[in-house]
């Protein structure tokens, strides 16, 4: 019962999202709408990333002895200079692992 519900919900979610991509023609949107929609990923990404980095398990801000913040700073610096997603991910993960296993 539970697995079938999960599969049905996944299929429905996939079809509703795919239908918008498939049915939407590229020439329907004007330049202003395309420019506005180009800001959507950069507006959503911080909202997804902020809670796991800055909030603890109780939902309160955790700035003291938080290795995730320092690892994020390292990853941002490497991402800024290298312009490589792979390098940013590796530096972020390696610095986080180093901080939690060695430093903290």
PDB file of N, CA and C in Angstrom:
ATOM      1  N   UNK A   1       0.830  -1.199   0.000  1.00  0.00           N
ATOM      2  CA  UNK A   1       0.000   0.000   0.000  1.00  0.00           C
ATOM      3  C   UNK A   1       0.863   1.248   0.000  1.00  0.00           C
ATOM      4  N   UNK A   2       1.863   1.322   0.852  1.00  0.00           N
ATOM      5  CA  UNK A   2       2.672   2.530   0.960  1.00  0.00           C
ATOM      6  C   UNK A   2       3.530   2.745  -0.278  1.00  0.00           C
ATOM      7  N   UNK A   3       4.146   1.664  -0.789  1.00  0.00           N
ATOM      8  CA  UNK A   3       5.005   1.809  -1.963  1.00  0.00           C
ATOM      9  C   UNK A   3       4.199   2.195  -3.194  1.00  0.00           C
ATOM     10  N   UNK A   4       3.015   1.650  -3.324  1.00  0.00           N
ATOM     11  CA  UNK A   4       2.196   2.006  -4.489  1.00  0.00           C
ATOM     12  C   UNK A   4       1.773   3.470  -4.425  1.00  0.00           C
ATOM     13  N   UNK A   5       1.485   3.967  -3.241  1.00  0.00           N
ATOM     14  CA  UNK A   5       1.133   5.381  -3.091  1.00  0.00           C
ATOM     15  C   UNK A   5       2.318   6.270  -3.448  1.00  0.00           C
ATOM     16  N   UNK A   6       3.508   5.888  -3.020  1.00  0.00           N
ATOM     17  CA  UNK A   6       4.701   6.667  -3.336  1.00  0.00           C
ATOM     18  C   UNK A   6       4.956   6.667  -4.837  1.00  0.00           C
ATOM     19  N   UNK A   7       4.797   5.512  -5.465  1.00  0.00           N
ATOM     20  CA  UNK A   7       5.017   5.420  -6.915  1.00  0.00           C
ATOM     21  C   UNK A   7       3.977   6.233  -7.669  1.00  0.00           C
ATOM     22  N   UNK A   8       2.714   6.151  -7.287  1.00  0.00           N
ATOM     23  CA  UNK A   8       1.675   6.932  -7.954  1.00  0.00           C
ATOM     24  C   UNK A   8       1.930   8.428  -7.796  1.00  0.00           C
ATOM     25  N   UNK A   9       2.296   8.845  -6.600  1.00  0.00           N
ATOM     26  CA  UNK A   9       2.575  10.278  -6.389  1.00  0.00           C
ATOM     27  C   UNK A   9       3.778  10.727  -7.210  1.00  0.00           C
ATOM     28  N   UNK A  10       4.787   9.878  -7.316  1.00  0.00           N
ATOM     29  CA  UNK A  10       5.947  10.214  -8.132  1.00  0.00           C
ATOM     30  C   UNK A  10       5.592  10.346  -9.595  1.00  0.00           C
ATOM     31  N   UNK A  11       4.775   9.440 -10.102  1.00  0.00           N
ATOM     32  CA  UNK A  11       4.362   9.497 -11.509  1.00  0.00           C
ATOM     33  C   UNK A  11       3.531  10.742 -11.773  1.00  0.00           C
ATOM     34  N   UNK A  12       2.602  11.052 -10.894  1.00  0.00           N
ATOM     35  CA  UNK A  12       1.767  12.243 -11.074  1.00  0.00           C
ATOM     36  C   UNK A  12       2.611  13.507 -11.026  1.00  0.00           C
ATOM     37  N   UNK A  13       3.546  13.581 -10.092  1.00  0.00           N
ATOM     38  CA  UNK A  13       4.421  14.746 -10.002  1.00  0.00           C
ATOM     39  C   UNK A  13       5.273  14.878 -11.254  1.00  0.00           C
ATOM     40  N   UNK A  14       5.826  13.776 -11.714  1.00  0.00           N
ATOM     41  CA  UNK A  14       6.658  13.806 -12.917  1.00  0.00           C
ATOM     42  C   UNK A  14       5.843  14.257 -14.126  1.00  0.00           C
ATOM     43  N   UNK A  15       4.646  13.707 -14.301  1.00  0.00           N
ATOM     44  CA  UNK A  15       3.836  14.061 -15.466  1.00  0.00           C
ATOM     45  C   UNK A  15       3.389  15.518 -15.447  1.00  0.00           C
ATOM     46  N   UNK A  16       3.056  16.049 -14.276  1.00  0.00           N
ATOM     47  CA  UNK A  16       2.646  17.459 -14.237  1.00  0.00           C
ATOM     48  C   UNK A  16       3.812  18.384 -14.555  1.00  0.00           C
ATOM     49  N   UNK A  17       4.997  18.054 -14.091  1.00  0.00           N
ATOM     50  CA  UNK A  17       6.157  18.896 -14.394  1.00  0.00           C
ATOM     51  C   UNK A  17       6.615  18.710 -15.834  1.00  0.00           C
ATOM     52  N   UNK A  18       6.597  17.483 -16.319  1.00  0.00           N
ATOM     53  CA  UNK A  18       7.023  17.225 -17.683  1.00  0.00           C
ATOM     54  C   UNK A  18       6.058  17.844 -18.684  1.00  0.00           C
ATOM     55  N   UNK A  19       4.761  17.857 -18.366  1.00  0.00           N
ATOM     56  CA  UNK A  19       3.789  18.422 -19.301  1.00  0.00           C
ATOM     57  C   UNK A  19       4.019  19.911 -19.513  1.00  0.00           C
ATOM     58  N   UNK A  20       4.411  20.626 -18.480  1.00  0.00           N
ATOM     59  CA  UNK A  20       4.689  22.055 -18.651  1.00  0.00           C
ATOM     60  C   UNK A  20       5.917  22.288 -19.526  1.00  0.00           C
ATOM     61  N   UNK A  21       6.917  21.464 -19.372  1.00  0.00           N
ATOM     62  CA  UNK A  21       8.122  21.599 -20.190  1.00  0.00           C
ATOM     63  C   UNK A  21       7.838  21.172 -21.622  1.00  0.00           C
ATOM     64  N   UNK A  22       7.096  20.095 -21.789  1.00  0.00           N
ATOM     65  CA  UNK A  22       6.836  19.548 -23.109  1.00  0.00           C
ATOM     66  C   UNK A  22       5.867  20.412 -23.905  1.00  0.00           C
ATOM     67  N   UNK A  23       4.832  20.908 -23.251  1.00  0.00           N
ATOM     68  CA  UNK A  23       3.798  21.662 -23.964  1.00  0.00           C
ATOM     69  C   UNK A  23       4.139  23.134 -24.167  1.00  0.00           C
ATOM     70  N   UNK A  24       5.038  23.667 -23.385  1.00  0.00           N
ATOM     71  CA  UNK A  24       5.379  25.077 -23.483  1.00  0.00           C
ATOM     72  C   UNK A  24       6.335  25.293 -24.648  1.00  0.00           C
ATOM     73  N   UNK A  25       5.918  26.125 -25.580  1.00  0.00           N
ATOM     74  CA  UNK A  25       6.762  26.407 -26.733  1.00  0.00           C
ATOM     75  C   UNK A  25       7.742  27.507 -26.387  1.00  0.00           C
ATOM     76  N   UNK A  26       8.910  27.461 -26.990  1.00  0.00           N
ATOM     77  CA  UNK A  26       9.960  28.427 -26.682  1.00  0.00           C
ATOM     78  C   UNK A  26       9.595  29.841 -27.131  1.00  0.00           C
ATOM     79  N   UNK A  27       8.854  29.972 -28.211  1.00  0.00           N
ATOM     80  CA  UNK A  27       8.547  31.305 -28.727  1.00  0.00           C
ATOM     81  C   UNK A  27       7.317  31.937 -28.084  1.00  0.00           C
ATOM     82  N   UNK A  28       6.685  31.238 -27.147  1.00  0.00           N
ATOM     83  CA  UNK A  28       5.502  31.789 -26.469  1.00  0.00           C
ATOM     84  C   UNK A  28       5.888  32.893 -25.487  1.00  0.00           C
ATOM     85  N   UNK A  29       7.021  32.734 -24.827  1.00  0.00           N
ATOM     86  CA  UNK A  29       7.433  33.692 -23.805  1.00  0.00           C
ATOM     87  C   UNK A  29       8.155  34.876 -24.451  1.00  0.00           C
ATOM     88  N   UNK A  30       7.813  36.068 -23.994  1.00  0.00           N
ATOM     89  CA  UNK A  30       8.532  37.226 -24.505  1.00  0.00           C
ATOM     90  C   UNK A  30       9.843  37.406 -23.745  1.00  0.00           C
ATOM     91  N   UNK A  31      10.647  38.362 -24.180  1.00  0.00           N
ATOM     92  CA  UNK A  31      11.978  38.541 -23.590  1.00  0.00           C
ATOM     93  C   UNK A  31      11.919  38.948 -22.122  1.00  0.00           C
ATOM     94  N   UNK A  32      10.940  39.773 -21.760  1.00  0.00           N
ATOM     95  CA  UNK A  32      10.839  40.215 -20.367  1.00  0.00           C
ATOM     96  C   UNK A  32      10.502  39.034 -19.446  1.00  0.00           C
ATOM     97  N   UNK A  33       9.598  38.175 -19.878  1.00  0.00           N
ATOM     98  CA  UNK A  33       9.239  37.005 -19.074  1.00  0.00           C
ATOM     99  C   UNK A  33      10.422  36.057 -18.946  1.00  0.00           C
ATOM    100  N   UNK A  34      11.163  35.857 -20.026  1.00  0.00           N
ATOM    101  CA  UNK A  34      12.345  35.002 -19.969  1.00  0.00           C
ATOM    102  C   UNK A  34      13.385  35.557 -19.007  1.00  0.00           C
ATOM    103  N   UNK A  35      13.547  36.887 -19.009  1.00  0.00           N
ATOM    104  CA  UNK A  35      14.516  37.500 -18.104  1.00  0.00           C
ATOM    105  C   UNK A  35      14.083  37.331 -16.646  1.00  0.00           C
ATOM    106  N   UNK A  36      12.805  37.521 -16.378  1.00  0.00           N
ATOM    107  CA  UNK A  36      12.291  37.354 -15.016  1.00  0.00           C
ATOM    108  C   UNK A  36      12.437  35.905 -14.563  1.00  0.00           C
ATOM    109  N   UNK A  37      12.117  34.943 -15.430  1.00  0.00           N
ATOM    110  CA  UNK A  37      12.225  33.528 -15.070  1.00  0.00           C
ATOM    111  C   UNK A  37      13.672  33.074 -14.910  1.00  0.00           C
ATOM    112  N   UNK A  38      14.609  33.812 -15.483  1.00  0.00           N
ATOM    113  CA  UNK A  38      16.013  33.432 -15.319  1.00  0.00           C
ATOM    114  C   UNK A  38      16.498  33.661 -13.887  1.00  0.00           C
ATOM    115  N   UNK A  39      15.784  34.480 -13.107  1.00  0.00           N
ATOM    116  CA  UNK A  39      16.162  34.729 -11.715  1.00  0.00           C
ATOM    117  C   UNK A  39      15.597  33.687 -10.751  1.00  0.00           C
ATOM    118  N   UNK A  40      14.729  32.826 -11.198  1.00  0.00           N
ATOM    119  CA  UNK A  40      14.085  31.855 -10.314  1.00  0.00           C
ATOM    120  C   UNK A  40      15.086  30.895  -9.667  1.00  0.00           C
ATOM    121  N   UNK A  41      16.012  30.273 -10.417  1.00  0.00           N
ATOM    122  CA  UNK A  41      16.945  29.365  -9.738  1.00  0.00           C
ATOM    123  C   UNK A  41      17.795  30.041  -8.678  1.00  0.00           C
ATOM    124  N   UNK A  42      18.257  31.264  -8.940  1.00  0.00           N
ATOM    125  CA  UNK A  42      19.086  31.939  -7.948  1.00  0.00           C
ATOM    126  C   UNK A  42      18.269  32.427  -6.755  1.00  0.00           C
ATOM    127  N   UNK A  43      16.979  32.499  -6.885  1.00  0.00           N
ATOM    128  CA  UNK A  43      16.137  32.862  -5.746  1.00  0.00           C
ATOM    129  C   UNK A  43      15.750  31.643  -4.917  1.00  0.00           C
ATOM    130  N   UNK A  44      15.606  30.502  -5.561  1.00  0.00           N
ATOM    131  CA  UNK A  44      15.189  29.291  -4.860  1.00  0.00           C
ATOM    132  C   UNK A  44      16.361  28.582  -4.193  1.00  0.00           C
ATOM    133  N   UNK A  45      17.526  28.602  -4.822  1.00  0.00           N
ATOM    134  CA  UNK A  45      18.677  27.859  -4.305  1.00  0.00           C
ATOM    135  C   UNK A  45      19.060  28.275  -2.884  1.00  0.00           C
ATOM    136  N   UNK A  46      19.159  29.574  -2.553  1.00  0.00           N
ATOM    137  CA  UNK A  46      19.479  29.916  -1.156  1.00  0.00           C
ATOM    138  C   UNK A  46      18.420  29.453  -0.156  1.00  0.00           C
ATOM    139  N   UNK A  47      17.163  29.433  -0.575  1.00  0.00           N
ATOM    140  CA  UNK A  47      16.113  28.969   0.332  1.00  0.00           C
ATOM    141  C   UNK A  47      16.238  27.474   0.613  1.00  0.00           C
ATOM    142  N   UNK A  48      16.793  26.728  -0.318  1.00  0.00           N
ATOM    143  CA  UNK A  48      17.002  25.302  -0.105  1.00  0.00           C
ATOM    144  C   UNK A  48      18.262  25.057   0.725  1.00  0.00           C
ATOM    145  N   UNK A  49      19.298  25.855   0.516  1.00  0.00           N
ATOM    146  CA  UNK A  49      20.592  25.634   1.145  1.00  0.00           C
ATOM    147  C   UNK A  49      20.673  26.210   2.562  1.00  0.00           C
ATOM    148  N   UNK A  50      20.013  27.310   2.848  1.00  0.00           N
ATOM    149  CA  UNK A  50      20.140  27.983   4.140  1.00  0.00           C
ATOM    150  C   UNK A  50      19.808  27.102   5.340  1.00  0.00           C
ATOM    151  N   UNK A  51      18.667  26.429   5.387  1.00  0.00           N
ATOM    152  CA  UNK A  51      18.344  25.656   6.606  1.00  0.00           C
ATOM    153  C   UNK A  51      19.347  24.570   6.976  1.00  0.00           C
ATOM    154  N   UNK A  52      19.831  23.743   6.038  1.00  0.00           N
ATOM    155  CA  UNK A  52      20.787  22.715   6.477  1.00  0.00           C
ATOM    156  C   UNK A  52      22.114  23.271   6.975  1.00  0.00           C
ATOM    157  N   UNK A  53      22.492  24.452   6.511  1.00  0.00           N
ATOM    158  CA  UNK A  53      23.788  25.001   6.920  1.00  0.00           C
ATOM    159  C   UNK A  53      23.682  25.744   8.243  1.00  0.00           C
ATOM    160  N   UNK A  54      22.703  26.595   8.394  1.00  0.00           N
ATOM    161  CA  UNK A  54      22.659  27.507   9.530  1.00  0.00           C
ATOM    162  C   UNK A  54      21.739  27.091  10.665  1.00  0.00           C
ATOM    163  N   UNK A  55      20.863  26.108  10.459  1.00  0.00           N
ATOM    164  CA  UNK A  55      19.933  25.707  11.513  1.00  0.00           C
ATOM    165  C   UNK A  55      20.335  24.358  12.093  1.00  0.00           C
ATOM    166  N   UNK A  56      20.160  24.207  13.402  1.00  0.00           N
ATOM    167  CA  UNK A  56      20.449  22.925  14.027  1.00  0.00           C
ATOM    168  C   UNK A  56      19.193  22.051  14.017  1.00  0.00           C
ATOM    169  N   UNK A  57      19.215  20.949  14.705  1.00  0.00           N
ATOM    170  CA  UNK A  57      18.098  20.004  14.672  1.00  0.00           C
ATOM    171  C   UNK A  57      16.829  20.547  15.325  1.00  0.00           C
ATOM    172  N   UNK A  58      16.979  21.549  16.204  1.00  0.00           N
ATOM    173  CA  UNK A  58      15.794  22.128  16.845  1.00  0.00           C
ATOM    174  C   UNK A  58      15.207  23.287  16.052  1.00  0.00           C
ATOM    175  N   UNK A  59      15.910  23.737  15.008  1.00  0.00           N
ATOM    176  CA  UNK A  59      15.404  24.826  14.187  1.00  0.00           C
ATOM    177  C   UNK A  59      15.916  26.189  14.585  1.00  0.00           C
ATOM    178  N   UNK A  60      16.852  26.260  15.497  1.00  0.00           N
ATOM    179  CA  UNK A  60      17.410  27.552  15.897  1.00  0.00           C
ATOM    180  C   UNK A  60      18.752  27.772  15.203  1.00  0.00           C
ATOM    181  N   UNK A  61      19.126  29.025  15.068  1.00  0.00           N
ATOM    182  CA  UNK A  61      20.382  29.364  14.408  1.00  0.00           C
ATOM    183  C   UNK A  61      21.568  28.834  15.197  1.00  0.00           C
ATOM    184  N   UNK A  62      22.521  28.269  14.485  1.00  0.00           N
ATOM    185  CA  UNK A  62      23.691  27.681  15.120  1.00  0.00           C
ATOM    186  C   UNK A  62      24.944  28.247  14.457  1.00  0.00           C
ATOM    187  N   UNK A  63      25.523  29.280  15.065  1.00  0.00           N
ATOM    188  CA  UNK A  63      26.730  29.892  14.531  1.00  0.00           C
ATOM    189  C   UNK A  63      27.989  29.449  15.269  1.00  0.00           C
ATOM    190  N   UNK A  64      27.849  28.985  16.488  1.00  0.00           N
ATOM    191  CA  UNK A  64      29.001  28.578  17.291  1.00  0.00           C
ATOM    192  C   UNK A  64      29.381  27.137  16.983  1.00  0.00           C
ATOM    193  N   UNK A  65      30.623  26.921  16.731  1.00  0.00           N
ATOM    194  CA  UNK A  65      31.195  25.601  16.433  1.00  0.00           C
ATOM    195  C   UNK A  65      30.395  24.850  15.374  1.00  0.00           C
ATOM    196  N   UNK A  66      30.068  25.528  14.294  1.00  0.00           N
ATOM    197  CA  UNK A  66      29.338  24.924  13.188  1.00  0.00           C
ATOM    198  C   UNK A  66      30.295  24.745  12.015  1.00  0.00           C
ATOM    199  N   UNK A  67      30.747  23.521  11.755  1.00  0.00           N
ATOM    200  CA  UNK A  67      31.703  23.313  10.669  1.00  0.00           C
ATOM    201  C   UNK A  67      31.101  23.526   9.285  1.00  0.00           C
ATOM    202  N   UNK A  68      29.786  23.467   9.177  1.00  0.00           N
ATOM    203  CA  UNK A  68      29.146  23.646   7.871  1.00  0.00           C
ATOM    204  C   UNK A  68      29.343  25.058   7.340  1.00  0.00           C
ATOM    205  N   UNK A  69      29.371  26.040   8.226  1.00  0.00           N
ATOM    206  CA  UNK A  69      29.539  27.426   7.792  1.00  0.00           C
ATOM    207  C   UNK A  69      30.929  27.636   7.214  1.00  0.00           C
ATOM    208  N   UNK A  70      31.944  27.141   7.893  1.00  0.00           N
ATOM    209  CA  UNK A  70      33.309  27.289   7.400  1.00  0.00           C
ATOM    210  C   UNK A  70      33.526  26.514   6.099  1.00  0.00           C
ATOM    211  N   UNK A  71      32.976  25.320   5.999  1.00  0.00           N
ATOM    212  CA  UNK A  71      33.081  24.540   4.761  1.00  0.00           C
ATOM    213  C   UNK A  71      32.361  25.248   3.615  1.00  0.00           C
ATOM    214  N   UNK A  72      31.245  25.907   3.910  1.00  0.00           N
ATOM    215  CA  UNK A  72      30.529  26.670   2.889  1.00  0.00           C
ATOM    216  C   UNK A  72      31.357  27.848   2.408  1.00  0.00           C
ATOM    217  N   UNK A  73      32.030  28.517   3.317  1.00  0.00           N
ATOM    218  CA  UNK A  73      32.893  29.644   2.937  1.00  0.00           C
ATOM    219  C   UNK A  73      34.021  29.159   2.027  1.00  0.00           C
ATOM    220  N   UNK A  74      34.645  28.031   2.369  1.00  0.00           N
ATOM    221  CA  UNK A  74      35.690  27.468   1.512  1.00  0.00           C
ATOM    222  C   UNK A  74      35.142  27.141   0.121  1.00  0.00           C
ATOM    223  N   UNK A  75      33.972  26.516   0.082  1.00  0.00           N
ATOM    224  CA  UNK A  75      33.380  26.138  -1.201  1.00  0.00           C
ATOM    225  C   UNK A  75      33.021  27.371  -2.033  1.00  0.00           C
ATOM    226  N   UNK A  76      32.515  28.416  -1.401  1.00  0.00           N
ATOM    227  CA  UNK A  76      32.182  29.641  -2.136  1.00  0.00           C
ATOM    228  C   UNK A  76      33.430  30.284  -2.716  1.00  0.00           C
ATOM    229  N   UNK A  77      34.503  30.317  -1.961  1.00  0.00           N
ATOM    230  CA  UNK A  77      35.754  30.912  -2.451  1.00  0.00           C
ATOM    231  C   UNK A  77      36.286  30.118  -3.643  1.00  0.00           C
ATOM    232  N   UNK A  78      36.326  28.796  -3.523  1.00  0.00           N
ATOM    233  CA  UNK A  78      36.803  27.963  -4.634  1.00  0.00           C
ATOM    234  C   UNK A  78      35.868  28.082  -5.836  1.00  0.00           C
ATOM    235  N   UNK A  79      34.585  28.112  -5.596  1.00  0.00           N
ATOM    236  CA  UNK A  79      33.633  28.259  -6.700  1.00  0.00           C
ATOM    237  C   UNK A  79      33.770  29.585  -7.411  1.00  0.00           C
ATOM    238  N   UNK A  80      34.057  30.632  -6.667  1.00  0.00           N
ATOM    239  CA  UNK A  80      34.230  31.957  -7.261  1.00  0.00           C
ATOM    240  C   UNK A  80      35.458  31.999  -8.159  1.00  0.00           C
ATOM    241  N   UNK A  81      36.560  31.437  -7.683  1.00  0.00           N
ATOM    242  CA  UNK A  81      37.800  31.516  -8.453  1.00  0.00           C
ATOM    243  C   UNK A  81      37.905  30.449  -9.540  1.00  0.00           C
ATOM    244  N   UNK A  82      37.386  29.252  -9.305  1.00  0.00           N
ATOM    245  CA  UNK A  82      37.555  28.187 -10.294  1.00  0.00           C
ATOM    246  C   UNK A  82      36.429  28.135 -11.320  1.00  0.00           C
ATOM    247  N   UNK A  83      35.260  28.595 -10.953  1.00  0.00           N
ATOM    248  CA  UNK A  83      34.065  28.520 -11.812  1.00  0.00           C
ATOM    249  C   UNK A  83      33.750  27.081 -12.210  1.00  0.00           C
ATOM    250  N   UNK A  84      34.063  26.159 -11.326  1.00  0.00           N
ATOM    251  CA  UNK A  84      33.839  24.742 -11.580  1.00  0.00           C
ATOM    252  C   UNK A  84      32.935  24.173 -10.500  1.00  0.00           C
ATOM    253  N   UNK A  85      31.845  23.567 -10.918  1.00  0.00           N
ATOM    254  CA  UNK A  85      30.911  22.983  -9.957  1.00  0.00           C
ATOM    255  C   UNK A  85      31.541  21.779  -9.265  1.00  0.00           C
ATOM    256  N   UNK A  86      32.252  20.959 -10.040  1.00  0.00           N
ATOM    257  CA  UNK A  86      32.873  19.761  -9.466  1.00  0.00           C
ATOM    258  C   UNK A  86      33.908  20.146  -8.411  1.00  0.00           C
ATOM    259  N   UNK A  87      34.756  21.140  -8.717  1.00  0.00           N
ATOM    260  CA  UNK A  87      35.764  21.577  -7.746  1.00  0.00           C
ATOM    261  C   UNK A  87      35.099  22.149  -6.502  1.00  0.00           C
ATOM    262  N   UNK A  88      34.027  22.887  -6.681  1.00  0.00           N
ATOM    263  CA  UNK A  88      33.314  23.466  -5.542  1.00  0.00           C
ATOM    264  C   UNK A  88      32.728  22.376  -4.650  1.00  0.00           C
ATOM    265  N   UNK A  89      32.124  21.372  -5.254  1.00  0.00           N
ATOM    266  CA  UNK A  89      31.535  20.279  -4.479  1.00  0.00           C
ATOM    267  C   UNK A  89      32.615  19.512  -3.721  1.00  0.00           C
ATOM    268  N   UNK A  90      33.713  19.186  -4.421  1.00  0.00           N
ATOM    269  CA  UNK A  90      34.784  18.433  -3.767  1.00  0.00           C
ATOM    270  C   UNK A  90      35.419  19.218  -2.626  1.00  0.00           C
ATOM    271  N   UNK A  91      35.693  20.487  -2.841  1.00  0.00           N
ATOM    272  CA  UNK A  91      36.304  21.293  -1.778  1.00  0.00           C
ATOM    273  C   UNK A  91      35.343  21.431  -0.599  1.00  0.00           C
ATOM    274  N   UNK A  92      34.076  21.643  -0.880  1.00  0.00           N
ATOM    275  CA  UNK A  92      33.096  21.750   0.196  1.00  0.00           C
ATOM    276  C   UNK A  92      32.996  20.472   1.013  1.00  0.00           C
ATOM    277  N   UNK A  93      32.923  19.339   0.334  1.00  0.00           N
ATOM    278  CA  UNK A  93      32.820  18.064   1.047  1.00  0.00           C
ATOM    279  C   UNK A  93      34.096  17.723   1.808  1.00  0.00           C
ATOM    280  N   UNK A  94      35.241  17.888   1.162  1.00  0.00           N
ATOM    281  CA  UNK A  94      36.508  17.553   1.819  1.00  0.00           C
ATOM    282  C   UNK A  94      36.754  18.461   3.018  1.00  0.00           C
ATOM    283  N   UNK A  95      36.484  19.753   2.864  1.00  0.00           N
ATOM    284  CA  UNK A  95      36.697  20.658   3.998  1.00  0.00           C
ATOM    285  C   UNK A  95      35.710  20.363   5.132  1.00  0.00           C
ATOM    286  N   UNK A  96      34.479  20.009   4.795  1.00  0.00           N
ATOM    287  CA  UNK A  96      33.505  19.662   5.834  1.00  0.00           C
ATOM    288  C   UNK A  96      33.932  18.394   6.570  1.00  0.00           C
ATOM    289  N   UNK A  97      34.331  17.383   5.811  1.00  0.00           N
ATOM    290  CA  UNK A  97      34.772  16.140   6.446  1.00  0.00           C
ATOM    291  C   UNK A  97      36.012  16.376   7.302  1.00  0.00           C
ATOM    292  N   UNK A  98      36.939  17.164   6.802  1.00  0.00           N
ATOM    293  CA  UNK A  98      38.128  17.474   7.590  1.00  0.00           C
ATOM    294  C   UNK A  98      37.743  18.170   8.890  1.00  0.00           C
ATOM    295  N   UNK A  99      36.846  19.131   8.790  1.00  0.00           N
ATOM    296  CA  UNK A  99      36.452  19.880   9.986  1.00  0.00           C
ATOM    297  C   UNK A  99      35.734  19.006  11.009  1.00  0.00           C
ATOM    298  N   UNK A 100      34.857  18.124  10.565  1.00  0.00           N
ATOM    299  CA  UNK A 100      34.105  17.331  11.557  1.00  0.00           C
ATOM    300  C   UNK A 100      34.931  16.179  12.108  1.00  0.00           C
ATOM    301  N   UNK A 101      35.848  15.624  11.333  1.00  0.00           N
ATOM    302  CA  UNK A 101      36.609  14.474  11.805  1.00  0.00           C
ATOM    303  C   UNK A 101      37.930  14.844  12.482  1.00  0.00           C
ATOM    304  N   UNK A 102      38.526  15.961  12.104  1.00  0.00           N
ATOM    305  CA  UNK A 102      39.840  16.316  12.637  1.00  0.00           C
ATOM    306  C   UNK A 102      39.769  17.513  13.574  1.00  0.00           C
ATOM    307  N   UNK A 103      39.119  18.554  13.124  1.00  0.00           N
ATOM    308  CA  UNK A 103      39.165  19.810  13.882  1.00  0.00           C
ATOM    309  C   UNK A 103      38.177  19.853  15.032  1.00  0.00           C
ATOM    310  N   UNK A 104      36.921  19.451  14.818  1.00  0.00           N
ATOM    311  CA  UNK A 104      35.904  19.565  15.871  1.00  0.00           C
ATOM    312  C   UNK A 104      35.824  18.315  16.691  1.00  0.00           C
TER     313      UNK A 104
END
